């Protein structure tokens, strides 16, 4: 690795002396690419990250329902809490009101 770095350093200095200023950027980028390819860390997959904590998930309890019957048996109204909001639903009797 030291030999490769020395050779690349010599090539970069030689290119800086003899090459035009517009070419030096390309030479430096190529030298940096060679150094990155020669390193041992490139090409090896990174190990998967280990979890730092374990999350315990609990199921939310079913919402409590309150059922109220309408006058004269016309139907029922059901109240329950969903996502922190009180929701109501009215169910009418299919045959209508019978006296």
PDB file of N, CA and C in Angstrom:
ATOM      1  N   UNK A   1       0.835  -1.195   0.000  1.00  0.00           N
ATOM      2  CA  UNK A   1       0.000   0.000   0.000  1.00  0.00           C
ATOM      3  C   UNK A   1       0.874   1.252   0.000  1.00  0.00           C
ATOM      4  N   UNK A   2       1.965   1.217   0.800  1.00  0.00           N
ATOM      5  CA  UNK A   2       2.863   2.378   0.840  1.00  0.00           C
ATOM      6  C   UNK A   2       3.513   2.604  -0.521  1.00  0.00           C
ATOM      7  N   UNK A   3       3.863   1.519  -1.184  1.00  0.00           N
ATOM      8  CA  UNK A   3       4.499   1.643  -2.494  1.00  0.00           C
ATOM      9  C   UNK A   3       3.534   2.260  -3.494  1.00  0.00           C
ATOM     10  N   UNK A   4       2.294   1.815  -3.452  1.00  0.00           N
ATOM     11  CA  UNK A   4       1.287   2.355  -4.361  1.00  0.00           C
ATOM     12  C   UNK A   4       1.075   3.842  -4.112  1.00  0.00           C
ATOM     13  N   UNK A   5       1.024   4.234  -2.856  1.00  0.00           N
ATOM     14  CA  UNK A   5       0.832   5.655  -2.542  1.00  0.00           C
ATOM     15  C   UNK A   5       2.023   6.481  -3.014  1.00  0.00           C
ATOM     16  N   UNK A   6       3.215   5.927  -2.883  1.00  0.00           N
ATOM     17  CA  UNK A   6       4.408   6.649  -3.339  1.00  0.00           C
ATOM     18  C   UNK A   6       4.399   6.813  -4.852  1.00  0.00           C
ATOM     19  N   UNK A   7       4.027   5.752  -5.558  1.00  0.00           N
ATOM     20  CA  UNK A   7       3.989   5.815  -7.025  1.00  0.00           C
ATOM     21  C   UNK A   7       2.935   6.813  -7.486  1.00  0.00           C
ATOM     22  N   UNK A   8       1.761   6.764  -6.878  1.00  0.00           N
ATOM     23  CA  UNK A   8       0.695   7.694  -7.258  1.00  0.00           C
ATOM     24  C   UNK A   8       1.099   9.124  -6.926  1.00  0.00           C
ATOM     25  N   UNK A   9       1.738   9.331  -5.788  1.00  0.00           N
ATOM     26  CA  UNK A   9       2.211  10.669  -5.440  1.00  0.00           C
ATOM     27  C   UNK A   9       3.219  11.193  -6.443  1.00  0.00           C
ATOM     28  N   UNK A  10       4.148  10.329  -6.868  1.00  0.00           N
ATOM     29  CA  UNK A  10       5.132  10.725  -7.876  1.00  0.00           C
ATOM     30  C   UNK A  10       4.456  11.070  -9.194  1.00  0.00           C
ATOM     31  N   UNK A  11       3.466  10.264  -9.590  1.00  0.00           N
ATOM     32  CA  UNK A  11       2.753  10.539 -10.842  1.00  0.00           C
ATOM     33  C   UNK A  11       1.989  11.858 -10.779  1.00  0.00           C
ATOM     34  N   UNK A  12       1.402  12.140  -9.629  1.00  0.00           N
ATOM     35  CA  UNK A  12       0.658  13.395  -9.484  1.00  0.00           C
ATOM     36  C   UNK A  12       1.606  14.583  -9.568  1.00  0.00           C
ATOM     37  N   UNK A  13       2.754  14.499  -8.906  1.00  0.00           N
ATOM     38  CA  UNK A  13       3.723  15.603  -8.973  1.00  0.00           C
ATOM     39  C   UNK A  13       4.268  15.774 -10.394  1.00  0.00           C
ATOM     40  N   UNK A  14       4.534  14.671 -11.069  1.00  0.00           N
ATOM     41  CA  UNK A  14       5.025  14.742 -12.446  1.00  0.00           C
ATOM     42  C   UNK A  14       3.970  15.368 -13.357  1.00  0.00           C
ATOM     43  N   UNK A  15       2.721  14.970 -13.167  1.00  0.00           N
ATOM     44  CA  UNK A  15       1.644  15.538 -13.979  1.00  0.00           C
ATOM     45  C   UNK A  15       1.475  17.019 -13.686  1.00  0.00           C
ATOM     46  N   UNK A  16       1.676  17.428 -12.439  1.00  0.00           N
ATOM     47  CA  UNK A  16       1.532  18.841 -12.091  1.00  0.00           C
ATOM     48  C   UNK A  16       2.612  19.686 -12.756  1.00  0.00           C
ATOM     49  N   UNK A  17       3.783  19.111 -12.928  1.00  0.00           N
ATOM     50  CA  UNK A  17       4.879  19.872 -13.539  1.00  0.00           C
ATOM     51  C   UNK A  17       4.708  19.955 -15.057  1.00  0.00           C
ATOM     52  N   UNK A  18       4.348  18.846 -15.696  1.00  0.00           N
ATOM     53  CA  UNK A  18       4.332  18.805 -17.158  1.00  0.00           C
ATOM     54  C   UNK A  18       2.964  19.051 -17.800  1.00  0.00           C
ATOM     55  N   UNK A  19       1.889  18.840 -17.105  1.00  0.00           N
ATOM     56  CA  UNK A  19       0.557  18.933 -17.713  1.00  0.00           C
ATOM     57  C   UNK A  19       0.013  20.353 -17.608  1.00  0.00           C
ATOM     58  N   UNK A  20      -0.937  20.633 -18.462  1.00  0.00           N
ATOM     59  CA  UNK A  20      -1.609  21.932 -18.415  1.00  0.00           C
ATOM     60  C   UNK A  20      -2.507  21.987 -17.180  1.00  0.00           C
ATOM     61  N   UNK A  21      -2.790  23.187 -16.658  1.00  0.00           N
ATOM     62  CA  UNK A  21      -3.614  23.293 -15.441  1.00  0.00           C
ATOM     63  C   UNK A  21      -5.008  22.684 -15.589  1.00  0.00           C
ATOM     64  N   UNK A  22      -5.559  22.650 -16.791  1.00  0.00           N
ATOM     65  CA  UNK A  22      -6.901  22.095 -16.977  1.00  0.00           C
ATOM     66  C   UNK A  22      -6.903  20.575 -16.819  1.00  0.00           C
ATOM     67  N   UNK A  23      -5.780  19.925 -17.006  1.00  0.00           N
ATOM     68  CA  UNK A  23      -5.696  18.471 -16.942  1.00  0.00           C
ATOM     69  C   UNK A  23      -5.440  17.995 -15.517  1.00  0.00           C
ATOM     70  N   UNK A  24      -4.895  18.851 -14.678  1.00  0.00           N
ATOM     71  CA  UNK A  24      -4.495  18.442 -13.324  1.00  0.00           C
ATOM     72  C   UNK A  24      -5.695  17.952 -12.513  1.00  0.00           C
ATOM     73  N   UNK A  25      -6.853  18.582 -12.672  1.00  0.00           N
ATOM     74  CA  UNK A  25      -8.043  18.142 -11.934  1.00  0.00           C
ATOM     75  C   UNK A  25      -8.429  16.715 -12.276  1.00  0.00           C
ATOM     76  N   UNK A  26      -8.337  16.370 -13.558  1.00  0.00           N
ATOM     77  CA  UNK A  26      -8.661  15.007 -13.976  1.00  0.00           C
ATOM     78  C   UNK A  26      -7.645  14.010 -13.437  1.00  0.00           C
ATOM     79  N   UNK A  27      -6.378  14.400 -13.405  1.00  0.00           N
ATOM     80  CA  UNK A  27      -5.336  13.509 -12.886  1.00  0.00           C
ATOM     81  C   UNK A  27      -5.543  13.280 -11.398  1.00  0.00           C
ATOM     82  N   UNK A  28      -5.853  14.336 -10.674  1.00  0.00           N
ATOM     83  CA  UNK A  28      -6.091  14.193  -9.233  1.00  0.00           C
ATOM     84  C   UNK A  28      -7.316  13.325  -8.967  1.00  0.00           C
ATOM     85  N   UNK A  29      -8.377  13.499  -9.744  1.00  0.00           N
ATOM     86  CA  UNK A  29      -9.574  12.675  -9.555  1.00  0.00           C
ATOM     87  C   UNK A  29      -9.273  11.209  -9.865  1.00  0.00           C
ATOM     88  N   UNK A  30      -8.481  10.955 -10.898  1.00  0.00           N
ATOM     89  CA  UNK A  30      -8.099   9.579 -11.217  1.00  0.00           C
ATOM     90  C   UNK A  30      -7.240   8.961 -10.138  1.00  0.00           C
ATOM     91  N   UNK A  31      -6.306   9.742  -9.580  1.00  0.00           N
ATOM     92  CA  UNK A  31      -5.455   9.230  -8.505  1.00  0.00           C
ATOM     93  C   UNK A  31      -6.279   8.918  -7.266  1.00  0.00           C
ATOM     94  N   UNK A  32      -7.235   9.783  -6.959  1.00  0.00           N
ATOM     95  CA  UNK A  32      -8.096   9.524  -5.797  1.00  0.00           C
ATOM     96  C   UNK A  32      -8.932   8.268  -6.022  1.00  0.00           C
ATOM     97  N   UNK A  33      -9.391   8.065  -7.246  1.00  0.00           N
ATOM     98  CA  UNK A  33     -10.150   6.851  -7.552  1.00  0.00           C
ATOM     99  C   UNK A  33      -9.307   5.598  -7.405  1.00  0.00           C
ATOM    100  N   UNK A  34      -8.034   5.676  -7.839  1.00  0.00           N
ATOM    101  CA  UNK A  34      -7.142   4.521  -7.675  1.00  0.00           C
ATOM    102  C   UNK A  34      -6.908   4.212  -6.206  1.00  0.00           C
ATOM    103  N   UNK A  35      -6.727   5.233  -5.405  1.00  0.00           N
ATOM    104  CA  UNK A  35      -6.506   5.009  -3.973  1.00  0.00           C
ATOM    105  C   UNK A  35      -7.737   4.399  -3.321  1.00  0.00           C
ATOM    106  N   UNK A  36      -8.911   4.846  -3.751  1.00  0.00           N
ATOM    107  CA  UNK A  36     -10.131   4.278  -3.164  1.00  0.00           C
ATOM    108  C   UNK A  36     -10.303   2.821  -3.575  1.00  0.00           C
ATOM    109  N   UNK A  37      -9.954   2.493  -4.816  1.00  0.00           N
ATOM    110  CA  UNK A  37     -10.094   1.105  -5.260  1.00  0.00           C
ATOM    111  C   UNK A  37      -9.071   0.199  -4.591  1.00  0.00           C
ATOM    112  N   UNK A  38      -7.907   0.736  -4.237  1.00  0.00           N
ATOM    113  CA  UNK A  38      -6.852  -0.077  -3.636  1.00  0.00           C
ATOM    114  C   UNK A  38      -7.079  -0.314  -2.147  1.00  0.00           C
ATOM    115  N   UNK A  39      -7.935   0.463  -1.519  1.00  0.00           N
ATOM    116  CA  UNK A  39      -8.144   0.284  -0.080  1.00  0.00           C
ATOM    117  C   UNK A  39      -8.897  -1.010   0.178  1.00  0.00           C
ATOM    118  N   UNK A  40      -8.646  -1.596   1.341  1.00  0.00           N
ATOM    119  CA  UNK A  40      -9.241  -2.899   1.676  1.00  0.00           C
ATOM    120  C   UNK A  40     -10.717  -2.786   2.024  1.00  0.00           C
ATOM    121  N   UNK A  41     -11.190  -1.620   2.425  1.00  0.00           N
ATOM    122  CA  UNK A  41     -12.570  -1.481   2.882  1.00  0.00           C
ATOM    123  C   UNK A  41     -13.590  -1.405   1.767  1.00  0.00           C
ATOM    124  N   UNK A  42     -13.171  -1.043   0.587  1.00  0.00           N
ATOM    125  CA  UNK A  42     -14.108  -0.901  -0.517  1.00  0.00           C
ATOM    126  C   UNK A  42     -14.426  -2.281  -1.081  1.00  0.00           C
ATOM    127  N   UNK A  43     -15.668  -2.516  -1.381  1.00  0.00           N
ATOM    128  CA  UNK A  43     -16.074  -3.783  -1.956  1.00  0.00           C
ATOM    129  C   UNK A  43     -16.604  -4.770  -0.949  1.00  0.00           C
ATOM    130  N   UNK A  44     -16.367  -4.528   0.297  1.00  0.00           N
ATOM    131  CA  UNK A  44     -16.904  -5.409   1.328  1.00  0.00           C
ATOM    132  C   UNK A  44     -18.235  -4.854   1.802  1.00  0.00           C
ATOM    133  N   UNK A  45     -19.253  -5.687   1.877  1.00  0.00           N
ATOM    134  CA  UNK A  45     -20.544  -5.173   2.356  1.00  0.00           C
ATOM    135  C   UNK A  45     -20.472  -4.809   3.835  1.00  0.00           C
ATOM    136  N   UNK A  46     -21.148  -3.756   4.168  1.00  0.00           N
ATOM    137  CA  UNK A  46     -21.188  -3.323   5.565  1.00  0.00           C
ATOM    138  C   UNK A  46     -22.077  -4.270   6.354  1.00  0.00           C
ATOM    139  N   UNK A  47     -21.710  -4.548   7.591  1.00  0.00           N
ATOM    140  CA  UNK A  47     -22.571  -5.421   8.400  1.00  0.00           C
ATOM    141  C   UNK A  47     -23.881  -4.717   8.719  1.00  0.00           C
ATOM    142  N   UNK A  48     -24.953  -5.476   8.856  1.00  0.00           N
ATOM    143  CA  UNK A  48     -26.236  -4.832   9.167  1.00  0.00           C
ATOM    144  C   UNK A  48     -26.189  -4.198  10.550  1.00  0.00           C
ATOM    145  N   UNK A  49     -26.837  -3.061  10.711  1.00  0.00           N
ATOM    146  CA  UNK A  49     -26.817  -2.403  12.020  1.00  0.00           C
ATOM    147  C   UNK A  49     -27.563  -3.241  13.052  1.00  0.00           C
ATOM    148  N   UNK A  50     -26.992  -3.290  14.227  1.00  0.00           N
ATOM    149  CA  UNK A  50     -27.639  -4.055  15.296  1.00  0.00           C
ATOM    150  C   UNK A  50     -28.654  -3.162  16.006  1.00  0.00           C
ATOM    151  N   UNK A  51     -29.775  -3.716  16.398  1.00  0.00           N
ATOM    152  CA  UNK A  51     -30.779  -2.892  17.091  1.00  0.00           C
ATOM    153  C   UNK A  51     -30.248  -2.454  18.453  1.00  0.00           C
ATOM    154  N   UNK A  52     -30.467  -1.198  18.778  1.00  0.00           N
ATOM    155  CA  UNK A  52     -29.986  -0.673  20.055  1.00  0.00           C
ATOM    156  C   UNK A  52     -30.973  -0.933  21.175  1.00  0.00           C
ATOM    157  N   UNK A  53     -32.225  -1.117  20.841  1.00  0.00           N
ATOM    158  CA  UNK A  53     -33.228  -1.419  21.859  1.00  0.00           C
ATOM    159  C   UNK A  53     -34.318  -2.262  21.220  1.00  0.00           C
ATOM    160  N   UNK A  54     -35.039  -2.945  22.035  1.00  0.00           N
ATOM    161  CA  UNK A  54     -36.136  -3.777  21.561  1.00  0.00           C
ATOM    162  C   UNK A  54     -37.434  -3.074  21.906  1.00  0.00           C
ATOM    163  N   UNK A  55     -38.288  -2.898  20.922  1.00  0.00           N
ATOM    164  CA  UNK A  55     -39.554  -2.218  21.134  1.00  0.00           C
ATOM    165  C   UNK A  55     -40.637  -3.258  21.383  1.00  0.00           C
ATOM    166  N   UNK A  56     -41.341  -3.094  22.480  1.00  0.00           N
ATOM    167  CA  UNK A  56     -42.432  -3.995  22.818  1.00  0.00           C
ATOM    168  C   UNK A  56     -43.729  -3.320  22.401  1.00  0.00           C
ATOM    169  N   UNK A  57     -44.441  -3.969  21.507  1.00  0.00           N
ATOM    170  CA  UNK A  57     -45.679  -3.407  20.981  1.00  0.00           C
ATOM    171  C   UNK A  57     -46.846  -4.139  21.624  1.00  0.00           C
ATOM    172  N   UNK A  58     -47.790  -3.363  22.139  1.00  0.00           N
ATOM    173  CA  UNK A  58     -48.981  -3.949  22.734  1.00  0.00           C
ATOM    174  C   UNK A  58     -50.190  -3.518  21.921  1.00  0.00           C
ATOM    175  N   UNK A  59     -51.114  -4.423  21.780  1.00  0.00           N
ATOM    176  CA  UNK A  59     -52.335  -4.101  21.048  1.00  0.00           C
ATOM    177  C   UNK A  59     -53.197  -3.172  21.888  1.00  0.00           C
ATOM    178  N   UNK A  60     -53.791  -2.193  21.226  1.00  0.00           N
ATOM    179  CA  UNK A  60     -54.672  -1.265  21.930  1.00  0.00           C
ATOM    180  C   UNK A  60     -55.955  -1.996  22.324  1.00  0.00           C
ATOM    181  N   UNK A  61     -56.477  -1.686  23.487  1.00  0.00           N
ATOM    182  CA  UNK A  61     -57.722  -2.347  23.885  1.00  0.00           C
ATOM    183  C   UNK A  61     -58.867  -1.916  22.971  1.00  0.00           C
ATOM    184  N   UNK A  62     -59.818  -2.794  22.796  1.00  0.00           N
ATOM    185  CA  UNK A  62     -60.961  -2.458  21.953  1.00  0.00           C
ATOM    186  C   UNK A  62     -61.743  -1.327  22.605  1.00  0.00           C
ATOM    187  N   UNK A  63     -62.208  -0.385  21.811  1.00  0.00           N
ATOM    188  CA  UNK A  63     -62.914   0.755  22.399  1.00  0.00           C
ATOM    189  C   UNK A  63     -64.229   0.315  23.044  1.00  0.00           C
ATOM    190  N   UNK A  64     -64.494   0.899  24.210  1.00  0.00           N
ATOM    191  CA  UNK A  64     -65.747   0.586  24.904  1.00  0.00           C
ATOM    192  C   UNK A  64     -66.902   1.246  24.157  1.00  0.00           C
ATOM    193  N   UNK A  65     -67.967   0.486  23.969  1.00  0.00           N
ATOM    194  CA  UNK A  65     -69.127   1.015  23.256  1.00  0.00           C
ATOM    195  C   UNK A  65     -70.252   1.264  24.255  1.00  0.00           C
ATOM    196  N   UNK A  66     -70.931   2.381  24.044  1.00  0.00           N
ATOM    197  CA  UNK A  66     -72.132   2.673  24.834  1.00  0.00           C
ATOM    198  C   UNK A  66     -73.313   2.680  23.874  1.00  0.00           C
ATOM    199  N   UNK A  67     -74.320   1.915  24.197  1.00  0.00           N
ATOM    200  CA  UNK A  67     -75.491   1.770  23.329  1.00  0.00           C
ATOM    201  C   UNK A  67     -76.704   2.354  24.041  1.00  0.00           C
ATOM    202  N   UNK A  68     -77.409   3.249  23.355  1.00  0.00           N
ATOM    203  CA  UNK A  68     -78.621   3.865  23.906  1.00  0.00           C
ATOM    204  C   UNK A  68     -79.784   3.580  22.963  1.00  0.00           C
ATOM    205  N   UNK A  69     -80.901   3.182  23.538  1.00  0.00           N
ATOM    206  CA  UNK A  69     -82.095   2.896  22.742  1.00  0.00           C
ATOM    207  C   UNK A  69     -82.884   4.182  22.555  1.00  0.00           C
ATOM    208  N   UNK A  70     -83.387   4.412  21.326  1.00  0.00           N
ATOM    209  CA  UNK A  70     -84.197   5.588  21.042  1.00  0.00           C
ATOM    210  C   UNK A  70     -85.620   5.378  21.563  1.00  0.00           C
ATOM    211  N   UNK A  71     -86.366   6.485  21.656  1.00  0.00           N
ATOM    212  CA  UNK A  71     -87.743   6.421  22.168  1.00  0.00           C
ATOM    213  C   UNK A  71     -88.621   5.565  21.264  1.00  0.00           C
ATOM    214  N   UNK A  72     -89.531   4.867  21.853  1.00  0.00           N
ATOM    215  CA  UNK A  72     -90.522   4.042  21.160  1.00  0.00           C
ATOM    216  C   UNK A  72     -89.872   2.942  20.316  1.00  0.00           C
ATOM    217  N   UNK A  73     -88.667   2.543  20.634  1.00  0.00           N
ATOM    218  CA  UNK A  73     -88.012   1.457  19.905  1.00  0.00           C
ATOM    219  C   UNK A  73     -87.677   1.789  18.467  1.00  0.00           C
ATOM    220  N   UNK A  74     -87.428   3.074  18.172  1.00  0.00           N
ATOM    221  CA  UNK A  74     -87.152   3.493  16.797  1.00  0.00           C
ATOM    222  C   UNK A  74     -85.768   3.050  16.322  1.00  0.00           C
ATOM    223  N   UNK A  75     -84.893   2.662  17.230  1.00  0.00           N
ATOM    224  CA  UNK A  75     -83.539   2.241  16.851  1.00  0.00           C
ATOM    225  C   UNK A  75     -82.594   2.425  18.022  1.00  0.00           C
ATOM    226  N   UNK A  76     -81.305   2.384  17.750  1.00  0.00           N
ATOM    227  CA  UNK A  76     -80.292   2.568  18.789  1.00  0.00           C
ATOM    228  C   UNK A  76     -79.224   3.523  18.276  1.00  0.00           C
ATOM    229  N   UNK A  77     -78.534   4.175  19.230  1.00  0.00           N
ATOM    230  CA  UNK A  77     -77.377   5.012  18.923  1.00  0.00           C
ATOM    231  C   UNK A  77     -76.189   4.401  19.656  1.00  0.00           C
ATOM    232  N   UNK A  78     -75.092   4.183  18.924  1.00  0.00           N
ATOM    233  CA  UNK A  78     -73.888   3.576  19.493  1.00  0.00           C
ATOM    234  C   UNK A  78     -72.798   4.638  19.548  1.00  0.00           C
ATOM    235  N   UNK A  79     -72.189   4.828  20.732  1.00  0.00           N
ATOM    236  CA  UNK A  79     -71.085   5.764  20.920  1.00  0.00           C
ATOM    237  C   UNK A  79     -69.821   4.957  21.216  1.00  0.00           C
ATOM    238  N   UNK A  80     -68.704   5.335  20.572  1.00  0.00           N
ATOM    239  CA  UNK A  80     -67.415   4.725  20.907  1.00  0.00           C
ATOM    240  C   UNK A  80     -66.295   5.717  20.613  1.00  0.00           C
ATOM    241  N   UNK A  81     -65.143   5.502  21.253  1.00  0.00           N
ATOM    242  CA  UNK A  81     -63.992   6.388  21.135  1.00  0.00           C
ATOM    243  C   UNK A  81     -63.029   5.787  20.112  1.00  0.00           C
ATOM    244  N   UNK A  82     -62.742   6.548  19.038  1.00  0.00           N
ATOM    245  CA  UNK A  82     -61.814   6.102  18.006  1.00  0.00           C
ATOM    246  C   UNK A  82     -60.781   7.196  17.800  1.00  0.00           C
ATOM    247  N   UNK A  83     -59.500   6.856  18.005  1.00  0.00           N
ATOM    248  CA  UNK A  83     -58.389   7.806  17.853  1.00  0.00           C
ATOM    249  C   UNK A  83     -58.608   9.073  18.667  1.00  0.00           C
ATOM    250  N   UNK A  84     -59.117   8.937  19.858  1.00  0.00           N
ATOM    251  CA  UNK A  84     -59.311  10.082  20.739  1.00  0.00           C
ATOM    252  C   UNK A  84     -60.542  10.910  20.428  1.00  0.00           C
ATOM    253  N   UNK A  85     -61.364  10.481  19.498  1.00  0.00           N
ATOM    254  CA  UNK A  85     -62.575  11.224  19.138  1.00  0.00           C
ATOM    255  C   UNK A  85     -63.792  10.377  19.473  1.00  0.00           C
ATOM    256  N   UNK A  86     -64.829  11.019  19.967  1.00  0.00           N
ATOM    257  CA  UNK A  86     -66.074  10.326  20.267  1.00  0.00           C
ATOM    258  C   UNK A  86     -66.893  10.240  18.983  1.00  0.00           C
ATOM    259  N   UNK A  87     -67.190   9.018  18.562  1.00  0.00           N
ATOM    260  CA  UNK A  87     -67.896   8.783  17.306  1.00  0.00           C
ATOM    261  C   UNK A  87     -69.236   8.143  17.623  1.00  0.00           C
ATOM    262  N   UNK A  88     -70.285   8.603  16.930  1.00  0.00           N
ATOM    263  CA  UNK A  88     -71.612   8.021  17.155  1.00  0.00           C
ATOM    264  C   UNK A  88     -72.167   7.502  15.833  1.00  0.00           C
ATOM    265  N   UNK A  89     -73.015   6.492  15.950  1.00  0.00           N
ATOM    266  CA  UNK A  89     -73.673   5.929  14.772  1.00  0.00           C
ATOM    267  C   UNK A  89     -75.078   5.528  15.175  1.00  0.00           C
ATOM    268  N   UNK A  90     -76.052   5.896  14.345  1.00  0.00           N
ATOM    269  CA  UNK A  90     -77.442   5.575  14.656  1.00  0.00           C
ATOM    270  C   UNK A  90     -77.917   4.450  13.743  1.00  0.00           C
ATOM    271  N   UNK A  91     -78.560   3.461  14.346  1.00  0.00           N
ATOM    272  CA  UNK A  91     -79.134   2.341  13.603  1.00  0.00           C
ATOM    273  C   UNK A  91     -80.643   2.379  13.795  1.00  0.00           C
ATOM    274  N   UNK A  92     -81.386   2.508  12.701  1.00  0.00           N
ATOM    275  CA  UNK A  92     -82.853   2.540  12.775  1.00  0.00           C
ATOM    276  C   UNK A  92     -83.407   1.130  12.646  1.00  0.00           C
ATOM    277  N   UNK A  93     -84.614   0.955  13.142  1.00  0.00           N
ATOM    278  CA  UNK A  93     -85.301  -0.321  12.998  1.00  0.00           C
ATOM    279  C   UNK A  93     -85.745  -0.442  11.545  1.00  0.00           C
ATOM    280  N   UNK A  94     -85.608  -1.608  10.967  1.00  0.00           N
ATOM    281  CA  UNK A  94     -85.894  -1.796   9.548  1.00  0.00           C
ATOM    282  C   UNK A  94     -87.359  -1.552   9.208  1.00  0.00           C
ATOM    283  N   UNK A  95     -88.281  -1.927  10.069  1.00  0.00           N
ATOM    284  CA  UNK A  95     -89.700  -1.805   9.756  1.00  0.00           C
ATOM    285  C   UNK A  95     -90.284  -0.445  10.095  1.00  0.00           C
ATOM    286  N   UNK A  96     -89.523   0.464  10.669  1.00  0.00           N
ATOM    287  CA  UNK A  96     -90.055   1.769  11.056  1.00  0.00           C
ATOM    288  C   UNK A  96     -90.646   1.725  12.456  1.00  0.00           C
ATOM    289  N   UNK A  97     -91.357   2.776  12.842  1.00  0.00           N
ATOM    290  CA  UNK A  97     -91.933   2.885  14.187  1.00  0.00           C
ATOM    291  C   UNK A  97     -93.287   2.193  14.204  1.00  0.00           C
ATOM    292  N   UNK A  98     -93.483   1.267  15.138  1.00  0.00           N
ATOM    293  CA  UNK A  98     -94.761   0.571  15.305  1.00  0.00           C
ATOM    294  C   UNK A  98     -95.404   1.068  16.588  1.00  0.00           C
ATOM    295  N   UNK A  99     -96.644   1.494  16.492  1.00  0.00           N
ATOM    296  CA  UNK A  99     -97.336   2.010  17.670  1.00  0.00           C
ATOM    297  C   UNK A  99     -98.118   0.937  18.376  1.00  0.00           C
TER     298      UNK A  99
END
